Amino acid sequence: MVRLFEVRDFVAEEWPHVLIWDLFVGRYIWLDGERRGVFTPHSVLLTNLIGPPGRMLHFLTCVLTGKVLPPTVEEVA
């Protein structure tokens, strides 16, 4: 990894990945899980480590828990 960070193109590619996936998508997964009542730590961790597979894991978790669609007004109240 140290040798990869010496390559300028790798660093230019890695930082957008970190900013987009780790911060924005990880935050989205966490907030979505809080809103729907879905367990999210495993999805956020995988998103921070790898990226896109974490988002897919969150989707699969929502499907398996039966909370694919956002909650209705009656469920929230």
C-alpha atoms as a PDB file:
ATOM      1  CA  MET A   1       0.000   0.000   0.000  1.00  0.00           C
ATOM      2  CA  VAL A   2       2.853   2.368   0.767  1.00  0.00           C
ATOM      3  CA  ARG A   3       4.279   1.784  -2.718  1.00  0.00           C
ATOM      4  CA  LEU A   4       0.862   2.441  -4.260  1.00  0.00           C
ATOM      5  CA  PHE A   5       0.585   5.790  -2.491  1.00  0.00           C
ATOM      6  CA  GLU A   6       3.860   6.818  -4.113  1.00  0.00           C
ATOM      7  CA  VAL A   7       2.127   6.631  -7.516  1.00  0.00           C
ATOM      8  CA  ARG A   8       0.434   9.957  -8.162  1.00  0.00           C
ATOM      9  CA  ASP A   9      -2.431   8.502 -10.239  1.00  0.00           C
ATOM     10  CA  PHE A  10      -3.332   6.034  -7.506  1.00  0.00           C
ATOM     11  CA  VAL A  11      -3.643   8.798  -4.918  1.00  0.00           C
ATOM     12  CA  ALA A  12      -5.790  10.867  -7.293  1.00  0.00           C
ATOM     13  CA  GLU A  13      -8.114   7.894  -7.717  1.00  0.00           C
ATOM     14  CA  GLU A  14      -8.165   6.776  -4.083  1.00  0.00           C
ATOM     15  CA  TRP A  15      -9.256  10.065  -2.479  1.00  0.00           C
ATOM     16  CA  PRO A  16     -12.512  10.436  -4.446  1.00  0.00           C
ATOM     17  CA  HIS A  17     -13.287   6.810  -3.586  1.00  0.00           C
ATOM     18  CA  VAL A  18     -12.720   7.496   0.100  1.00  0.00           C
ATOM     19  CA  LEU A  19     -14.764  10.688   0.097  1.00  0.00           C
ATOM     20  CA  ILE A  20     -17.685   9.351  -1.883  1.00  0.00           C
ATOM     21  CA  TRP A  21     -18.044   5.813  -0.564  1.00  0.00           C
ATOM     22  CA  ASP A  22     -16.801   6.103   2.985  1.00  0.00           C
ATOM     23  CA  LEU A  23     -18.349   9.429   3.883  1.00  0.00           C
ATOM     24  CA  PHE A  24     -21.414   9.931   1.717  1.00  0.00           C
ATOM     25  CA  VAL A  25     -22.601   6.394   1.028  1.00  0.00           C
ATOM     26  CA  GLY A  26     -21.649   5.158   4.505  1.00  0.00           C
ATOM     27  CA  ARG A  27     -23.579   8.040   6.038  1.00  0.00           C
ATOM     28  CA  TYR A  28     -26.559   7.361   3.774  1.00  0.00           C
ATOM     29  CA  ILE A  29     -26.624   3.698   4.820  1.00  0.00           C
ATOM     30  CA  TRP A  30     -26.441   4.603   8.492  1.00  0.00           C
ATOM     31  CA  LEU A  31     -29.197   7.245   8.286  1.00  0.00           C
ATOM     32  CA  ASP A  32     -31.394   4.981   6.152  1.00  0.00           C
ATOM     33  CA  GLY A  33     -30.980   2.175   8.682  1.00  0.00           C
ATOM     34  CA  GLU A  34     -31.872   4.508  11.530  1.00  0.00           C
ATOM     35  CA  ARG A  35     -34.991   5.691   9.697  1.00  0.00           C
ATOM     36  CA  ARG A  36     -36.165   2.190   8.769  1.00  0.00           C
ATOM     37  CA  GLY A  37     -34.999   0.382  11.901  1.00  0.00           C
ATOM     38  CA  VAL A  38     -32.525  -1.839  10.012  1.00  0.00           C
ATOM     39  CA  PHE A  39     -29.249  -3.137  11.503  1.00  0.00           C
ATOM     40  CA  THR A  40     -26.443  -1.331   9.605  1.00  0.00           C
ATOM     41  CA  PRO A  41     -22.996  -1.705  11.254  1.00  0.00           C
ATOM     42  CA  HIS A  42     -21.960  -4.582   8.981  1.00  0.00           C
ATOM     43  CA  SER A  43     -23.004  -2.652   5.862  1.00  0.00           C
ATOM     44  CA  VAL A  44     -21.236   0.531   6.928  1.00  0.00           C
ATOM     45  CA  LEU A  45     -18.067  -1.397   7.753  1.00  0.00           C
ATOM     46  CA  LEU A  46     -18.061  -3.169   4.397  1.00  0.00           C
ATOM     47  CA  THR A  47     -18.709   0.158   2.653  1.00  0.00           C
ATOM     48  CA  ASN A  48     -15.733   1.705   4.430  1.00  0.00           C
ATOM     49  CA  LEU A  49     -13.495  -1.243   3.549  1.00  0.00           C
ATOM     50  CA  ILE A  50     -14.519  -2.023  -0.031  1.00  0.00           C
ATOM     51  CA  GLY A  51     -17.190   0.417  -1.180  1.00  0.00           C
ATOM     52  CA  PRO A  52     -20.004  -0.770  -3.463  1.00  0.00           C
ATOM     53  CA  PRO A  53     -20.474  -4.237  -1.900  1.00  0.00           C
ATOM     54  CA  GLY A  54     -21.449  -2.498   1.349  1.00  0.00           C
ATOM     55  CA  ARG A  55     -24.321  -0.745  -0.382  1.00  0.00           C
ATOM     56  CA  MET A  56     -25.468  -4.055  -1.851  1.00  0.00           C
ATOM     57  CA  LEU A  57     -25.269  -5.688   1.598  1.00  0.00           C
ATOM     58  CA  HIS A  58     -27.459  -2.922   3.019  1.00  0.00           C
ATOM     59  CA  PHE A  59     -30.018  -3.539   0.274  1.00  0.00           C
ATOM     60  CA  LEU A  60     -29.972  -7.281   0.970  1.00  0.00           C
ATOM     61  CA  THR A  61     -30.359  -6.641   4.706  1.00  0.00           C
ATOM     62  CA  CYS A  62     -33.402  -4.482   3.998  1.00  0.00           C
ATOM     63  CA  VAL A  63     -34.881  -7.221   1.799  1.00  0.00           C
ATOM     64  CA  LEU A  64     -34.267  -9.949   4.380  1.00  0.00           C
ATOM     65  CA  THR A  65     -35.805  -7.881   7.185  1.00  0.00           C
ATOM     66  CA  GLY A  66     -38.817  -6.999   5.017  1.00  0.00           C
ATOM     67  CA  LYS A  67     -38.117  -3.268   5.136  1.00  0.00           C
ATOM     68  CA  VAL A  68     -37.346  -2.617   1.472  1.00  0.00           C
ATOM     69  CA  LEU A  69     -39.722   0.304   1.045  1.00  0.00           C
ATOM     70  CA  PRO A  70     -39.604   3.428   3.203  1.00  0.00           C
ATOM     71  CA  PRO A  71     -41.994   3.347   6.173  1.00  0.00           C
ATOM     72  CA  THR A  72     -45.530   4.667   5.670  1.00  0.00           C
ATOM     73  CA  VAL A  73     -46.980   7.512   7.690  1.00  0.00           C
ATOM     74  CA  GLU A  74     -48.824   5.021   9.934  1.00  0.00           C
ATOM     75  CA  GLU A  75     -45.582   3.106  10.699  1.00  0.00           C
ATOM     76  CA  VAL A  76     -43.721   6.284  11.620  1.00  0.00           C
ATOM     77  CA  ALA A  77     -46.441   7.645  13.926  1.00  0.00           C
END
